[in-house]
C-alpha atoms as a PDB file:
ATOM      1  CA  MET A   1      -4.489   2.300  10.672  1.00  0.00           C
ATOM      2  CA  THR A   2      -2.090  -0.093   8.972  1.00  0.00           C
ATOM      3  CA  CYS A   3       0.441  -0.224  11.826  1.00  0.00           C
ATOM      4  CA  SER A   4       0.442  -3.478  13.772  1.00  0.00           C
ATOM      5  CA  ASP A   5       2.686  -6.469  14.413  1.00  0.00           C
ATOM      6  CA  THR A   6       1.866  -7.899  10.986  1.00  0.00           C
ATOM      7  CA  ALA A   7       1.508  -6.554   7.478  1.00  0.00           C
ATOM      8  CA  VAL A   8      -1.969  -5.680   6.252  1.00  0.00           C
ATOM      9  CA  ARG A   9      -3.291  -6.381   2.748  1.00  0.00           C
ATOM     10  CA  VAL A  10      -4.489  -3.220   1.016  1.00  0.00           C
ATOM     11  CA  ARG A  11      -5.736  -2.408  -2.472  1.00  0.00           C
ATOM     12  CA  VAL A  12      -4.271   0.544  -4.376  1.00  0.00           C
ATOM     13  CA  LEU A  13      -6.910   3.095  -5.320  1.00  0.00           C
ATOM     14  CA  ARG A  14      -4.663   5.744  -6.842  1.00  0.00           C
ATOM     15  CA  VAL A  15      -0.938   6.316  -7.324  1.00  0.00           C
ATOM     16  CA  LEU A  16       0.103   9.713  -5.968  1.00  0.00           C
ATOM     17  CA  ASP A  17       3.222  11.846  -6.409  1.00  0.00           C
ATOM     18  CA  ASP A  18       6.414  11.398  -4.380  1.00  0.00           C
ATOM     19  CA  GLY A  19       6.281   7.605  -4.004  1.00  0.00           C
ATOM     20  CA  MET A  20       2.901   7.544  -2.278  1.00  0.00           C
ATOM     21  CA  ALA A  21      -0.394   5.805  -3.009  1.00  0.00           C
ATOM     22  CA  LEU A  22      -3.948   6.068  -1.744  1.00  0.00           C
ATOM     23  CA  VAL A  23      -5.070   2.629  -0.607  1.00  0.00           C
ATOM     24  CA  ASP A  24      -8.189   0.933   0.724  1.00  0.00           C
ATOM     25  CA  THR A  25      -7.451  -0.881   3.984  1.00  0.00           C
ATOM     26  CA  GLY A  26     -10.906  -2.405   4.289  1.00  0.00           C
ATOM     27  CA  ALA A  27     -11.534  -0.037   7.190  1.00  0.00           C
ATOM     28  CA  GLY A  28     -10.975   3.182   5.238  1.00  0.00           C
ATOM     29  CA  HIS A  29      -8.565   4.941   2.948  1.00  0.00           C
ATOM     30  CA  GLU A  30      -4.962   5.861   3.794  1.00  0.00           C
ATOM     31  CA  GLU A  31      -1.930   7.299   2.072  1.00  0.00           C
ATOM     32  CA  VAL A  32       1.059   4.960   2.239  1.00  0.00           C
ATOM     33  CA  SER A  33       4.599   5.020   0.918  1.00  0.00           C
ATOM     34  CA  VAL A  34       5.272   2.681  -1.999  1.00  0.00           C
ATOM     35  CA  ALA A  35       8.969   3.521  -2.301  1.00  0.00           C
ATOM     36  CA  LEU A  36      10.090  -0.025  -1.359  1.00  0.00           C
ATOM     37  CA  VAL A  37       7.843  -1.812  -3.874  1.00  0.00           C
ATOM     38  CA  PRO A  38       8.768  -2.102  -7.579  1.00  0.00           C
ATOM     39  CA  ALA A  39       7.028   0.675  -9.511  1.00  0.00           C
ATOM     40  CA  ASP A  40       5.705  -1.757 -12.138  1.00  0.00           C
ATOM     41  CA  VAL A  41       3.425  -3.449  -9.570  1.00  0.00           C
ATOM     42  CA  VAL A  42       2.028  -0.238  -8.069  1.00  0.00           C
ATOM     43  CA  ALA A  43      -1.147   0.504 -10.000  1.00  0.00           C
ATOM     44  CA  PRO A  44      -4.842   0.915  -9.225  1.00  0.00           C
ATOM     45  CA  GLY A  45      -6.266  -2.455  -8.214  1.00  0.00           C
ATOM     46  CA  ALA A  46      -2.927  -3.906  -7.080  1.00  0.00           C
ATOM     47  CA  VAL A  47      -2.819  -5.620  -3.687  1.00  0.00           C
ATOM     48  CA  LEU A  48       0.133  -4.745  -1.465  1.00  0.00           C
ATOM     49  CA  LEU A  49       1.346  -5.679   1.994  1.00  0.00           C
ATOM     50  CA  VAL A  50       1.698  -2.628   4.247  1.00  0.00           C
ATOM     51  CA  HIS A  51       3.293  -2.197   7.659  1.00  0.00           C
ATOM     52  CA  ALA A  52       3.443   1.151   9.461  1.00  0.00           C
ATOM     53  CA  ARG A  53       2.187   2.992   6.354  1.00  0.00           C
ATOM     54  CA  GLU A  54       4.994   1.532   4.224  1.00  0.00           C
ATOM     55  CA  ALA A  55       4.287  -0.941   1.422  1.00  0.00           C
ATOM     56  CA  ILE A  56       6.771  -3.758   1.982  1.00  0.00           C
ATOM     57  CA  GLY A  57       5.779  -6.306  -0.630  1.00  0.00           C
ATOM     58  CA  VAL A  58       3.228  -8.033  -2.805  1.00  0.00           C
ATOM     59  CA  PRO A  59       1.304 -11.024  -1.439  1.00  0.00           C
ATOM     60  CA  ARG A  60       1.659 -14.370  -3.197  1.00  0.00           C
END
């Protein structure tokens, strides 16, 4: 699960409908919201920072 005190790096596997994406957390696959991240960075292979199943940014 991607909910903790810190954001978790995940890799996008597939972009889904309704502002969601299927991601690989390293411990399994989860659906997360990508509504807060610019659409042009959400693509298969992209790495995102996720907290509480919400993508909150892109790591530097």
